[in-house]
Amino acid sequence: MRDRTRGFTLLELLVVVAIAALLSTGVVLAMRDSDADLLEREGLRLSALLESGRAQARAAGIPVRWQADDTGFALQGLPSQAADDRDTATRNAPHWAWLAEGTQARITLPSGATTLVLGPEPLIPAQAVVLERGNHRLRLHTDGLGPFAVDPEAAP
């Protein structure tokens, strides 16, 4: 008579493989870099808002400006704000907060600029903004004709 207690059954092997798969999934999720994810989401969000501001500037025939600070950014001069008094429109510009504290924005093109001008002409100068969070950087840029693109940038 043979001894049937040697080896593993198929069911036992499947249970071990399932447990190993669950553990490896947990490790992969734990190793994700949340700063990089937040910065990527911020870049995509900002790219969409810049394109929206650009479209509104062209449609209304008025300049729309983007300006950032430590807490977020504002689009100044949107058509819903356009009034006879441009100073009032600037003061009442909607302000969007950064998705995560510690996000910084720096305009790199045009050199020395503190705001981006998004229109009203269909062709604008080349523009670029670098977003930073921790040791991660992301670059949003346009050649002036195409939409804003989001590219990761190597940390210094």
Protein backbone atom coordinates (compact mmCIF):
# COMPACT_ATOMS: atom_id res chain seq x y z
CA MET A 1 0.00 0.00 0.00
CA ARG A 2 1.30 3.48 -0.92
CA ASP A 3 1.57 6.40 1.49
CA ARG A 4 -0.84 9.15 0.28
CA THR A 5 0.42 11.84 2.69
CA ARG A 6 3.31 12.93 0.49
CA GLY A 7 3.13 16.21 -1.51
CA PHE A 8 0.53 18.96 -1.64
CA THR A 9 -2.95 18.90 -3.04
CA LEU A 10 -3.96 21.30 -5.79
CA LEU A 11 -6.19 23.18 -3.37
CA GLU A 12 -3.32 23.75 -0.95
CA LEU A 13 -1.11 25.09 -3.74
CA LEU A 14 -3.86 27.47 -4.92
CA VAL A 15 -4.31 28.83 -1.39
CA VAL A 16 -0.55 29.50 -1.05
CA VAL A 17 -0.41 31.25 -4.45
CA ALA A 18 -3.43 33.41 -3.57
CA ILE A 19 -1.88 34.46 -0.25
CA ALA A 20 1.42 35.31 -1.99
CA ALA A 21 -0.46 37.42 -4.57
CA LEU A 22 -2.31 39.36 -1.87
CA LEU A 23 0.89 40.02 0.06
CA SER A 24 2.77 41.22 -3.04
CA THR A 25 -0.14 43.54 -3.95
CA GLY A 26 -0.02 45.04 -0.47
CA VAL A 27 3.74 45.62 -0.75
CA VAL A 28 3.41 47.30 -4.15
CA LEU A 29 0.66 49.62 -2.91
CA ALA A 30 2.66 50.49 0.21
CA MET A 31 5.68 51.42 -1.91
CA ARG A 32 3.82 53.90 -4.14
CA ASP A 33 5.14 57.43 -3.89
CA SER A 34 2.21 59.59 -2.87
CA ASP A 35 4.09 62.87 -3.52
CA ALA A 36 4.65 61.90 -7.14
CA ASP A 37 1.00 60.87 -7.54
CA LEU A 38 -0.28 64.12 -6.02
CA LEU A 39 2.04 66.17 -8.22
CA GLU A 40 0.92 64.32 -11.34
CA ARG A 41 -2.75 64.90 -10.47
CA GLU A 42 -1.98 68.57 -9.79
CA GLY A 43 -0.24 68.87 -13.16
CA LEU A 44 -3.14 67.33 -15.07
CA ARG A 45 -5.63 69.52 -13.20
CA LEU A 46 -3.62 72.67 -13.84
CA SER A 47 -3.16 71.78 -17.51
CA ALA A 48 -6.94 71.44 -17.94
CA LEU A 49 -7.60 74.73 -16.13
CA LEU A 50 -4.99 76.57 -18.21
CA GLU A 51 -6.56 75.25 -21.41
CA SER A 52 -10.01 76.27 -20.15
CA GLY A 53 -8.76 79.78 -19.37
CA ARG A 54 -7.13 79.95 -22.79
CA ALA A 55 -10.36 78.95 -24.54
CA GLN A 56 -12.39 81.47 -22.53
CA ALA A 57 -9.89 84.23 -23.33
CA ARG A 58 -10.17 83.53 -27.06
CA ALA A 59 -13.95 83.26 -26.97
CA ALA A 60 -14.40 86.54 -25.07
CA GLY A 61 -11.51 88.36 -26.77
CA ILE A 62 -9.97 89.44 -23.45
CA PRO A 63 -6.65 88.57 -21.81
CA VAL A 64 -6.74 86.00 -19.02
CA ARG A 65 -3.75 85.76 -16.68
CA TRP A 66 -2.63 82.88 -14.48
CA GLN A 67 -0.72 83.62 -11.29
CA ALA A 68 0.41 81.29 -8.50
CA ASP A 69 1.30 81.74 -4.85
CA ASP A 70 2.14 79.42 -1.95
CA THR A 71 -1.50 78.51 -1.31
CA GLY A 72 -2.69 77.99 -4.90
CA PHE A 73 -3.35 79.91 -8.09
CA ALA A 74 -5.83 82.26 -9.73
CA LEU A 75 -7.09 82.94 -13.24
CA GLN A 76 -7.59 86.68 -13.50
CA GLY A 77 -9.84 88.32 -16.07
CA LEU A 78 -12.16 85.41 -16.85
CA PRO A 79 -15.19 86.48 -18.93
CA SER A 80 -17.56 86.05 -15.98
CA GLN A 81 -15.41 88.60 -14.16
CA ALA A 82 -15.00 90.99 -17.08
CA ALA A 83 -16.42 94.35 -16.14
CA ASP A 84 -15.70 97.98 -16.85
CA ASP A 85 -13.45 97.99 -13.79
CA ARG A 86 -10.57 95.56 -14.46
CA ASP A 87 -9.16 96.07 -10.95
CA THR A 88 -12.38 94.71 -9.46
CA ALA A 89 -12.19 91.68 -11.76
CA THR A 90 -8.62 91.04 -10.63
CA ARG A 91 -9.50 91.32 -6.94
CA ASN A 92 -12.44 88.93 -7.33
CA ALA A 93 -10.57 86.32 -9.40
CA PRO A 94 -11.38 82.75 -8.34
CA HIS A 95 -8.57 81.14 -6.37
CA TRP A 96 -7.88 77.41 -6.50
CA ALA A 97 -5.94 75.82 -3.66
CA TRP A 98 -3.18 73.31 -4.38
CA LEU A 99 -4.29 69.71 -3.89
CA ALA A 100 -1.56 69.25 -1.29
CA GLU A 101 0.28 71.69 0.96
CA GLY A 102 3.88 72.27 -0.02
CA THR A 103 3.26 72.42 -3.76
CA GLN A 104 5.22 75.24 -5.40
CA ALA A 105 4.94 76.69 -8.91
CA ARG A 106 7.58 78.60 -10.82
CA ILE A 107 7.18 80.13 -14.29
CA THR A 108 10.23 79.30 -16.40
CA LEU A 109 9.02 80.58 -19.79
CA PRO A 110 8.85 83.44 -20.61
CA SER A 111 11.95 84.12 -18.57
CA GLY A 112 11.35 86.39 -15.58
CA ALA A 113 7.54 86.34 -15.92
CA THR A 114 5.33 86.31 -12.83
CA THR A 115 2.09 85.58 -14.71
CA LEU A 116 1.11 83.58 -17.78
CA VAL A 117 -1.01 85.37 -20.39
CA LEU A 118 -3.48 82.90 -21.90
CA GLY A 119 -4.97 84.93 -24.72
CA PRO A 120 -6.95 86.41 -26.40
CA GLU A 121 -4.88 85.66 -29.53
CA PRO A 122 -4.95 82.05 -30.74
CA LEU A 123 -1.14 81.99 -30.91
CA ILE A 124 0.53 82.86 -27.61
CA PRO A 125 4.24 82.90 -26.73
CA ALA A 126 5.87 79.66 -25.57
CA GLN A 127 5.17 79.23 -21.85
CA ALA A 128 6.26 76.78 -19.16
CA VAL A 129 5.57 76.25 -15.45
CA VAL A 130 7.47 73.90 -13.13
CA LEU A 131 5.53 72.37 -10.24
CA GLU A 132 7.53 71.08 -7.27
CA ARG A 133 6.56 68.98 -4.29
CA GLY A 134 9.22 67.46 -2.09
CA ASN A 135 11.95 66.22 -4.39
CA HIS A 136 9.58 65.71 -7.34
CA ARG A 137 9.21 68.11 -10.25
CA LEU A 138 6.74 68.34 -13.12
CA ARG A 139 6.82 70.67 -16.13
CA LEU A 140 3.74 72.04 -17.90
CA HIS A 141 4.55 73.68 -21.21
CA THR A 142 3.15 74.85 -24.52
CA ASP A 143 4.79 76.04 -27.68
CA GLY A 144 2.04 78.65 -27.96
CA LEU A 145 -0.03 76.82 -30.54
CA GLY A 146 -0.66 73.41 -28.96
CA PRO A 147 -2.20 72.61 -25.59
CA PHE A 148 -0.26 72.54 -22.32
CA ALA A 149 1.57 69.21 -21.94
CA VAL A 150 2.67 67.62 -18.65
CA ASP A 151 6.16 66.10 -18.43
CA PRO A 152 8.02 64.78 -15.38
CA GLU A 153 11.30 66.55 -14.81
CA ALA A 154 14.39 65.18 -13.10
CA ALA A 155 15.00 66.55 -9.61
CA PRO A 156 18.08 68.76 -9.27
